[in-house]
Amino acid sequence: MLKRLLPAVREAGRLFEEGFHAAKTVRHKGTVDLVTQYDVAVEKLLKERIAETLPGFTVVGEEEDDESMRPDRAVYIDPIDGTTNFVHKIPYCAISVGVWKHGEPVAAVVYNPILNELFTAEKGGGAFCNGRPVHVSDQSGLQQSLLATGFPYTKVEMGRDYRWVLESLANLLPHTQDIRRLGAASVDLCYVANGIFDGFYECNLKPWDVAAGILLVREAGGRVSDHKGGDYRLGDPVIVATNGKNHDAIIEKLADYKEV
């Protein structure tokens, strides 16, 4: 399946790289949620190519589709994860493509052409970066763990998501080595898979943000759950992805999403 996906992703990557360095037309989907002409163009290209190479799959994209769509055979694509970084020429942004069957991820590609990082995985086949096997870290102590997180666009409403972010950060930060915020969930998940980050958590992510990264973390030997340690399902309010060794310690510090 990856052999059929990769030519499309690499072609989209050339358009992505062109856009990264070019002047952009930027509009707002929300108060702080940006979209450029390249988000739309990359998604259109990917949809056309994937429809040709993976017939029988429904392609679900960020810019044109409903996040609640859950086809039995789906390809979730984020044409530019980290659009704010893309607009500001910060190189932590990527194309994310996750293939799911019967509610489970079976293939994944996350490609950052700016940093020349191509992460791939197939179910049962391990995780790779530029063809090299990658594995999660061995760090077990929370105090020595470097974590990543993100802030949802809904922060501007100062509602539940905002309160959850602040409470969880206050609970965790003193007990970790530190916490990073790169601004692209697919990249964060790849860096957990690659052993750069020891864990990652975030709330209010969409299926296309995580559909590829979930498989990469699992195939690299890590663990993915909701904020209570249960199975993570696309659309759940919180995702936690770690090397598995510090997972429970992180969950113990996270705020209860239903109570904030």
Protein backbone atom coordinates (compact mmCIF):
# COMPACT_ATOMS: atom_id res chain seq x y z
CA MET A 1 0.00 0.00 0.00
CA LEU A 2 2.85 2.41 0.78
CA LYS A 3 4.28 1.87 -2.70
CA ARG A 4 1.03 3.21 -4.10
CA LEU A 5 0.84 6.14 -1.67
CA LEU A 6 4.40 7.44 -1.76
CA PRO A 7 4.50 8.79 -5.34
CA ALA A 8 1.41 10.91 -4.60
CA VAL A 9 2.83 12.19 -1.32
CA ARG A 10 6.18 13.04 -2.89
CA GLU A 11 4.44 14.91 -5.71
CA ALA A 12 2.39 16.82 -3.15
CA GLY A 13 5.60 17.48 -1.24
CA ARG A 14 7.04 19.41 -4.19
CA LEU A 15 4.00 21.68 -4.20
CA PHE A 16 4.24 22.00 -0.40
CA GLU A 17 7.90 23.03 -0.62
CA GLU A 18 7.16 25.55 -3.36
CA GLY A 19 4.46 27.09 -1.19
CA PHE A 20 6.61 27.21 1.91
CA HIS A 21 9.05 29.59 0.23
CA ALA A 22 6.49 31.54 -1.82
CA ALA A 23 4.24 34.48 -1.07
CA LYS A 24 0.88 33.17 0.14
CA THR A 25 -2.74 34.21 0.16
CA VAL A 26 -3.90 33.68 3.72
CA ARG A 27 -7.47 33.62 4.97
CA HIS A 28 -9.02 32.71 8.31
CA LYS A 29 -11.26 29.68 8.85
CA GLY A 30 -11.63 30.86 12.44
CA THR A 31 -10.25 33.57 14.68
CA VAL A 32 -6.71 32.13 14.56
CA ASP A 33 -7.15 29.11 12.23
CA LEU A 34 -5.35 29.88 8.96
CA VAL A 35 -5.63 28.39 5.49
CA THR A 36 -3.63 29.20 2.34
CA GLN A 37 -4.09 28.45 -1.33
CA TYR A 38 -1.47 25.72 -0.88
CA ASP A 39 -3.55 23.87 1.73
CA VAL A 40 -6.34 23.67 -0.85
CA ALA A 41 -4.05 22.80 -3.77
CA VAL A 42 -2.14 20.07 -1.92
CA GLU A 43 -5.38 18.50 -0.71
CA LYS A 44 -6.85 18.54 -4.23
CA LEU A 45 -3.75 16.90 -5.68
CA LEU A 46 -3.68 14.21 -2.99
CA LYS A 47 -7.38 13.44 -3.34
CA GLU A 48 -7.04 12.98 -7.08
CA ARG A 49 -3.95 10.77 -6.88
CA ILE A 50 -5.16 8.65 -3.95
CA ALA A 51 -8.55 8.09 -5.58
CA GLU A 52 -6.66 6.67 -8.57
CA THR A 53 -4.28 4.47 -6.60
CA LEU A 54 -6.58 3.30 -3.78
CA PRO A 55 -10.00 2.71 -5.33
CA GLY A 56 -12.60 1.66 -2.81
CA PHE A 57 -11.32 4.06 -0.14
CA THR A 58 -13.03 7.31 0.82
CA VAL A 59 -10.58 10.18 1.06
CA VAL A 60 -11.34 12.54 3.95
CA GLY A 61 -9.49 15.86 3.89
CA GLU A 62 -9.24 18.80 6.26
CA GLU A 63 -10.22 21.55 3.87
CA GLU A 64 -13.27 20.05 2.16
CA ASP A 65 -14.77 17.32 4.33
CA ASP A 66 -16.73 16.85 7.55
CA GLU A 67 -14.59 15.76 10.49
CA SER A 68 -17.37 13.39 11.62
CA MET A 69 -16.99 11.23 8.49
CA ARG A 70 -15.89 7.71 9.50
CA PRO A 71 -15.92 5.50 6.37
CA ASP A 72 -15.07 1.84 6.87
CA ARG A 73 -12.21 2.21 4.40
CA ALA A 74 -10.81 5.71 4.74
CA VAL A 75 -7.76 7.77 3.91
CA TYR A 76 -7.46 10.77 6.22
CA ILE A 77 -5.29 13.55 4.80
CA ASP A 78 -4.01 16.76 6.30
CA PRO A 79 -2.46 18.63 3.36
CA ILE A 80 -0.49 20.98 5.58
CA ASP A 81 -0.46 20.12 9.26
CA GLY A 82 0.93 23.18 10.98
CA THR A 83 -0.38 25.83 8.61
CA THR A 84 0.55 28.63 11.01
CA ASN A 85 4.16 27.40 10.93
CA PHE A 86 3.92 27.09 7.14
CA VAL A 87 2.74 30.70 6.84
CA HIS A 88 5.49 31.99 9.13
CA LYS A 89 8.17 29.80 7.49
CA ILE A 90 8.78 27.74 10.62
CA PRO A 91 9.86 24.31 9.32
CA TYR A 92 7.69 22.15 11.60
CA CYS A 93 4.85 21.33 9.23
CA ALA A 94 4.00 18.26 7.19
CA ILE A 95 1.70 16.34 4.89
CA SER A 96 -0.10 13.61 6.86
CA VAL A 97 -1.82 10.62 5.23
CA GLY A 98 -3.36 7.84 7.32
CA VAL A 99 -5.11 4.80 5.84
CA TRP A 100 -7.73 3.10 8.03
CA LYS A 101 -9.74 -0.11 7.61
CA HIS A 102 -12.53 -1.22 9.92
CA GLY A 103 -11.64 1.41 12.50
CA GLU A 104 -7.91 0.61 12.65
CA PRO A 105 -4.88 2.27 11.02
CA VAL A 106 -3.10 0.12 8.44
CA ALA A 107 -0.71 2.51 6.67
CA ALA A 108 0.79 5.93 7.39
CA VAL A 109 2.91 8.59 5.73
CA VAL A 110 4.00 11.86 7.29
CA TYR A 111 6.24 13.94 5.05
CA ASN A 112 8.05 17.18 5.91
CA PRO A 113 9.84 18.14 2.70
CA ILE A 114 11.39 21.21 4.34
CA LEU A 115 13.42 19.10 6.77
CA ASN A 116 13.55 16.10 4.40
CA GLU A 117 11.81 13.79 6.88
CA LEU A 118 9.63 11.04 5.44
CA PHE A 119 8.00 8.86 8.12
CA THR A 120 6.25 5.67 6.99
CA ALA A 121 4.59 2.67 8.59
CA GLU A 122 2.41 -0.29 7.70
CA LYS A 123 0.57 -2.35 10.27
CA GLY A 124 2.87 -5.10 11.53
CA GLY A 125 5.84 -3.81 9.55
CA GLY A 126 7.51 -1.32 11.88
CA ALA A 127 8.04 2.43 11.59
CA PHE A 128 10.67 4.21 9.48
CA CYS A 129 12.14 7.64 8.80
CA ASN A 130 13.73 7.97 5.36
CA GLY A 131 13.86 4.18 5.22
CA ARG A 132 15.62 3.80 8.57
CA PRO A 133 13.79 1.93 11.37
CA VAL A 134 12.75 4.15 14.27
CA HIS A 135 11.82 3.26 17.83
CA VAL A 136 10.41 5.07 20.82
CA SER A 137 12.73 6.12 23.65
CA ASP A 138 13.58 4.06 26.71
CA GLN A 139 12.97 6.87 29.20
CA SER A 140 10.80 5.66 32.06
CA GLY A 141 11.07 8.49 34.58
CA LEU A 142 8.60 11.34 34.16
CA GLN A 143 11.02 13.90 35.62
CA GLN A 144 13.54 13.02 32.89
CA SER A 145 10.94 12.92 30.10
CA LEU A 146 10.75 15.54 27.37
CA LEU A 147 7.12 15.92 26.35
CA ALA A 148 5.27 17.72 23.58
CA THR A 149 1.82 19.25 23.53
CA GLY A 150 -0.32 21.65 21.54
CA PHE A 151 -2.89 24.37 22.05
CA PRO A 152 -6.28 24.07 20.32
CA TYR A 153 -7.74 26.85 18.19
CA THR A 154 -10.66 26.89 20.62
CA LYS A 155 -8.38 28.53 23.18
CA VAL A 156 -9.74 31.90 22.04
CA GLU A 157 -13.11 30.97 23.57
CA MET A 158 -11.45 30.40 26.96
CA GLY A 159 -13.77 27.46 27.59
CA ARG A 160 -13.23 23.82 28.52
CA ASP A 161 -10.29 23.19 26.17
CA TYR A 162 -8.50 26.30 27.41
CA ARG A 163 -9.00 25.35 31.07
CA TRP A 164 -7.91 21.76 30.42
CA VAL A 165 -4.70 22.92 28.71
CA LEU A 166 -3.77 25.23 31.58
CA GLU A 167 -4.59 22.76 34.35
CA SER A 168 -2.79 19.86 32.66
CA LEU A 169 0.27 22.01 31.94
CA ALA A 170 0.39 23.19 35.55
CA ASN A 171 0.12 19.59 36.78
CA LEU A 172 2.78 18.20 34.44
CA LEU A 173 5.41 20.86 33.82
CA PRO A 174 7.16 20.78 37.22
CA HIS A 175 7.46 16.99 37.01
CA THR A 176 9.03 16.75 33.53
CA GLN A 177 12.36 17.60 31.97
CA ASP A 178 10.38 20.12 29.91
CA ILE A 179 7.47 20.47 27.50
CA ARG A 180 7.76 21.59 23.88
CA ARG A 181 5.09 23.04 21.58
CA LEU A 182 6.01 22.68 17.90
CA GLY A 183 2.58 23.41 16.44
CA ALA A 184 1.97 20.29 14.32
CA ALA A 185 0.51 17.17 15.92
CA SER A 186 1.60 14.84 13.13
CA VAL A 187 5.21 15.96 13.62
CA ASP A 188 4.91 15.57 17.41
CA LEU A 189 3.68 11.99 16.99
CA CYS A 190 6.52 11.21 14.56
CA TYR A 191 9.02 12.55 17.07
CA VAL A 192 7.57 10.27 19.75
CA ALA A 193 7.97 7.37 17.32
CA ASN A 194 11.54 8.47 16.61
CA GLY A 195 12.49 8.72 20.29
CA ILE A 196 13.00 12.50 20.21
CA PHE A 197 10.02 13.15 22.49
CA ASP A 198 9.22 10.74 25.30
CA GLY A 199 5.52 11.56 25.13
CA PHE A 200 2.84 13.79 23.65
CA TYR A 201 -0.64 14.84 24.70
CA GLU A 202 -3.21 17.23 23.26
CA CYS A 203 -6.94 17.90 23.25
CA ASN A 204 -9.44 18.60 20.49
CA LEU A 205 -7.51 17.14 17.58
CA LYS A 206 -9.23 16.11 14.36
CA PRO A 207 -8.95 12.69 12.66
CA TRP A 208 -6.63 13.99 9.94
CA ASP A 209 -4.25 15.39 12.60
CA VAL A 210 -3.56 11.98 14.14
CA ALA A 211 -4.66 9.24 11.73
CA ALA A 212 -1.11 8.65 10.45
CA GLY A 213 0.82 9.40 13.63
CA ILE A 214 -1.10 6.87 15.73
CA LEU A 215 0.18 3.99 13.60
CA LEU A 216 3.73 5.36 13.55
CA VAL A 217 3.86 5.48 17.34
CA ARG A 218 2.41 1.99 17.71
CA GLU A 219 4.73 0.48 15.10
CA ALA A 220 7.72 2.15 16.80
CA GLY A 221 6.84 0.35 20.04
CA GLY A 222 4.85 3.09 21.75
CA ARG A 223 1.41 3.38 23.27
CA VAL A 224 -1.57 5.54 22.30
CA SER A 225 -4.63 6.09 24.51
CA ASP A 226 -7.20 8.59 25.65
CA HIS A 227 -6.53 10.67 28.78
CA LYS A 228 -7.80 7.88 31.04
CA GLY A 229 -5.65 5.14 29.51
CA GLY A 230 -8.42 3.60 27.40
CA ASP A 231 -8.33 2.90 23.68
CA TYR A 232 -8.11 6.10 21.66
CA ARG A 233 -10.79 6.48 19.00
CA LEU A 234 -10.76 9.11 16.28
CA GLY A 235 -12.67 12.09 17.60
CA ASP A 236 -11.95 11.47 21.28
CA PRO A 237 -11.32 14.75 23.16
CA VAL A 238 -7.76 13.90 24.27
CA ILE A 239 -4.92 11.82 22.81
CA VAL A 240 -1.86 10.61 24.77
CA ALA A 241 1.05 9.00 22.89
CA THR A 242 4.21 7.86 24.64
CA ASN A 243 7.05 5.37 24.69
CA GLY A 244 4.80 3.27 26.96
CA LYS A 245 7.12 3.38 29.94
CA ASN A 246 6.00 6.76 31.27
CA HIS A 247 2.43 6.57 29.99
CA ASP A 248 0.63 5.97 33.27
CA ALA A 249 2.64 8.66 35.04
CA ILE A 250 1.60 11.22 32.43
CA ILE A 251 -2.05 10.21 32.58
CA GLU A 252 -2.05 10.61 36.36
CA LYS A 253 -1.14 14.30 35.95
CA LEU A 254 -3.63 15.18 33.21
CA ALA A 255 -6.80 17.02 34.13
CA ASP A 256 -10.11 15.21 33.76
CA TYR A 257 -11.56 16.64 30.58
CA LYS A 258 -15.13 16.20 31.79
CA GLU A 259 -14.53 18.14 35.00
CA VAL A 260 -12.71 21.26 33.85
